[in-house]
Amino acid sequence: INSLHRQSVKLLAEGLIVSARDPRDGTVEAYESRTEQCIIGVQWHPELMLHQIENQTLFGYFVNET
């Protein structure tokens, strides 16, 4: 994860869960919905790291859901 931000999520809305944290300080880096709705939020720039399989998987998921 390339943390290029100064702001972060403090509290998630009801129905959302944390799916990734920065191992250095516990900052929420990704969250998703616990419901059937497709809601995914990330606090990094996956488009800057397309060589990483995790980011390819994320984009693949979006393509398959459309």
Protein backbone atom coordinates (compact mmCIF):
# COMPACT_ATOMS: atom_id res chain seq x y z
CA ILE A 1 0.00 0.00 0.00
CA ASN A 2 1.33 3.42 -0.93
CA SER A 3 0.01 5.71 1.77
CA LEU A 4 0.05 9.12 0.12
CA HIS A 5 -2.48 10.83 2.34
CA ARG A 6 -2.69 12.88 5.51
CA GLN A 7 -6.31 12.10 6.28
CA SER A 8 -7.72 8.76 7.32
CA VAL A 9 -10.94 7.06 8.34
CA LYS A 10 -11.67 7.38 12.03
CA LEU A 11 -15.15 5.86 12.23
CA LEU A 12 -16.85 3.66 9.67
CA ALA A 13 -20.53 3.92 8.89
CA GLU A 14 -22.83 1.12 9.97
CA GLY A 15 -22.53 -1.88 7.65
CA LEU A 16 -18.88 -1.25 6.73
CA ILE A 17 -15.88 -3.24 7.95
CA VAL A 18 -12.14 -2.62 7.84
CA SER A 19 -10.44 -4.86 5.28
CA ALA A 20 -6.88 -3.43 5.38
CA ARG A 21 -4.77 -1.50 7.88
CA ASP A 22 -1.32 0.03 7.69
CA PRO A 23 0.84 -2.36 9.75
CA ARG A 24 2.98 0.54 10.98
CA ASP A 25 0.28 2.54 12.75
CA GLY A 26 -3.05 0.76 12.27
CA THR A 27 -4.47 3.41 9.93
CA VAL A 28 -7.49 2.13 8.00
CA GLU A 29 -6.40 1.72 4.38
CA ALA A 30 -9.43 -0.14 2.98
CA TYR A 31 -13.00 -0.92 3.93
CA GLU A 32 -15.92 -2.78 2.42
CA SER A 33 -19.60 -3.43 2.91
CA ARG A 34 -20.95 -6.30 5.00
CA THR A 35 -24.10 -6.26 2.88
CA GLU A 36 -24.67 -7.49 -0.65
CA GLN A 37 -24.03 -3.98 -1.97
CA CYS A 38 -20.68 -3.59 -3.71
CA ILE A 39 -19.00 -0.91 -1.61
CA ILE A 40 -15.21 -0.82 -1.46
CA GLY A 41 -13.12 2.11 -0.31
CA VAL A 42 -9.34 2.39 -0.45
CA GLN A 43 -6.99 5.03 0.94
CA TRP A 44 -4.16 4.37 -1.49
CA HIS A 45 -3.61 4.62 -5.23
CA PRO A 46 -3.84 1.08 -6.67
CA GLU A 47 -3.49 2.48 -10.19
CA LEU A 48 0.10 3.48 -9.34
CA MET A 49 1.04 -0.11 -8.47
CA LEU A 50 -0.56 -2.24 -11.17
CA HIS A 51 2.36 -4.68 -11.02
CA GLN A 52 1.16 -5.93 -7.62
CA ILE A 53 -1.24 -8.88 -7.77
CA GLU A 54 -3.43 -7.43 -5.01
CA ASN A 55 -4.15 -4.34 -7.09
CA GLN A 56 -4.74 -6.40 -10.23
CA THR A 57 -7.24 -8.47 -8.25
CA LEU A 58 -9.03 -5.31 -7.11
CA PHE A 59 -9.38 -3.98 -10.66
CA GLY A 60 -10.41 -7.42 -11.90
CA TYR A 61 -13.17 -7.50 -9.31
CA PHE A 62 -14.52 -4.14 -10.50
CA VAL A 63 -14.45 -5.27 -14.13
CA ASN A 64 -16.31 -8.48 -13.30
CA GLU A 65 -18.96 -6.62 -11.28
CA THR A 66 -19.85 -4.20 -14.09
